[in-house]
Amino acid sequence: MKVYRPEWQCTFSVNEGAVDAARWKERLAWRLRRFADRLQGSGRTVRIDCRVTPAISLAEVDTCLMKGFEVTQSLITQLAHQQACEEVMRDAKAELYEEHSSP
């Protein structure tokens, strides 16, 4: 009886800049990306490398990335909400946040 074993591999990395050992083309590309970020005044440029075998469609990869960014937005929104609540509490009840030294 033949045993079937599925095999797959996925490497996923996100970079915010060129590594020290990068070639001149990659270093130049990152300089241009940083320059574009400064021109726009906001945002953050990242590079996503995704290698999958067996191959899946680019549309499927894009769908996964979009779902991941939706989760990221939700998490960041929750953190912003918590920070806003803490700032209100620190203003309204500053005495709760004061450190008391023992006599």
Protein backbone atom coordinates (compact mmCIF):
# COMPACT_ATOMS: atom_id res chain seq x y z
CA MET A 1 0.00 0.00 0.00
CA LYS A 2 1.40 3.37 -0.98
CA VAL A 3 1.49 6.03 1.71
CA TYR A 4 0.75 9.54 0.53
CA ARG A 5 2.36 12.37 2.40
CA PRO A 6 1.58 15.97 1.53
CA GLU A 7 4.60 18.26 1.58
CA TRP A 8 4.60 22.03 1.64
CA GLN A 9 6.78 24.89 2.68
CA CYS A 10 6.22 28.56 3.35
CA THR A 11 8.78 31.22 4.17
CA PHE A 12 7.44 34.63 5.08
CA SER A 13 9.48 37.65 6.06
CA VAL A 14 8.80 41.33 6.53
CA ASN A 15 11.67 43.81 6.28
CA GLU A 16 11.88 47.49 7.12
CA GLY A 17 15.31 48.02 5.62
CA ALA A 18 18.24 46.46 3.86
CA VAL A 19 20.43 44.02 5.73
CA ASP A 20 24.11 44.86 6.18
CA ALA A 21 25.18 42.33 3.55
CA ALA A 22 22.70 43.63 0.95
CA ARG A 23 23.79 44.33 -2.59
CA TRP A 24 23.95 47.88 -3.86
CA LYS A 25 20.63 47.53 -5.73
CA GLU A 26 18.77 46.57 -2.56
CA ARG A 27 20.42 49.35 -0.53
CA LEU A 28 19.48 51.88 -3.24
CA ALA A 29 15.89 50.59 -3.32
CA TRP A 30 15.58 51.07 0.45
CA ARG A 31 17.01 54.59 0.23
CA LEU A 32 14.37 55.41 -2.38
CA ARG A 33 11.64 53.92 -0.17
CA ARG A 34 12.79 56.02 2.83
CA PHE A 35 12.87 59.09 0.60
CA ALA A 36 9.32 58.38 -0.61
CA ASP A 37 8.16 57.98 3.00
CA ARG A 38 9.63 61.39 3.86
CA LEU A 39 7.99 62.99 0.81
CA GLN A 40 4.60 61.62 1.79
CA GLY A 41 5.13 62.60 5.41
CA SER A 42 3.48 59.56 6.92
CA GLY A 43 3.20 55.85 6.54
CA ARG A 44 5.66 53.06 6.81
CA THR A 45 7.23 51.09 4.00
CA VAL A 46 7.81 47.38 4.48
CA ARG A 47 8.80 44.66 2.06
CA ILE A 48 7.04 41.33 2.24
CA ASP A 49 8.73 38.22 0.88
CA CYS A 50 6.57 35.13 0.66
CA ARG A 51 7.71 31.88 -0.92
CA VAL A 52 5.26 28.99 -0.96
CA THR A 53 5.49 25.51 -2.41
CA PRO A 54 3.42 24.14 -3.92
CA ALA A 55 2.61 27.45 -5.55
CA ILE A 56 -0.56 29.31 -4.68
CA SER A 57 -2.01 32.18 -6.66
CA LEU A 58 -1.02 35.77 -6.06
CA ALA A 59 -4.71 36.52 -5.43
CA GLU A 60 -4.76 33.98 -2.60
CA VAL A 61 -1.63 35.50 -1.08
CA ASP A 62 -3.17 38.99 -1.38
CA THR A 63 -6.36 37.79 0.32
CA CYS A 64 -4.36 36.38 3.22
CA LEU A 65 -2.34 39.58 3.54
CA MET A 66 -5.49 41.73 3.56
CA LYS A 67 -7.05 39.57 6.29
CA GLY A 68 -3.83 39.88 8.28
CA PHE A 69 -3.85 43.66 7.92
CA GLU A 70 -7.49 43.75 9.04
CA VAL A 71 -6.52 41.88 12.22
CA THR A 72 -3.57 44.26 12.67
CA GLN A 73 -5.85 47.29 12.33
CA SER A 74 -8.24 45.82 14.89
CA LEU A 75 -5.40 45.23 17.38
CA ILE A 76 -3.98 48.73 16.90
CA THR A 77 -7.46 50.22 17.30
CA GLN A 78 -7.90 48.31 20.57
CA LEU A 79 -4.54 49.61 21.82
CA ALA A 80 -5.48 53.18 20.90
CA HIS A 81 -8.79 52.80 22.74
CA GLN A 82 -7.02 51.48 25.85
CA GLN A 83 -4.51 54.33 25.72
CA ALA A 84 -7.30 56.91 25.36
CA CYS A 85 -9.12 55.41 28.37
CA GLU A 86 -5.95 55.46 30.45
CA GLU A 87 -5.28 59.10 29.58
CA VAL A 88 -8.82 60.04 30.63
CA MET A 89 -8.39 58.13 33.89
CA ARG A 90 -5.02 59.74 34.58
CA ASP A 91 -6.61 63.16 34.08
CA ALA A 92 -9.82 62.46 36.02
CA LYS A 93 -8.27 60.41 38.84
CA ALA A 94 -4.63 61.45 38.96
CA GLU A 95 -4.41 60.41 42.61
CA LEU A 96 -4.79 56.77 41.59
CA TYR A 97 -1.60 57.01 39.55
CA GLU A 98 0.55 58.85 42.09
CA GLU A 99 3.30 56.82 43.68
CA HIS A 100 3.19 57.02 47.44
CA SER A 101 6.44 56.76 49.34
CA SER A 102 6.42 55.01 52.70
CA PRO A 103 7.37 57.23 55.68
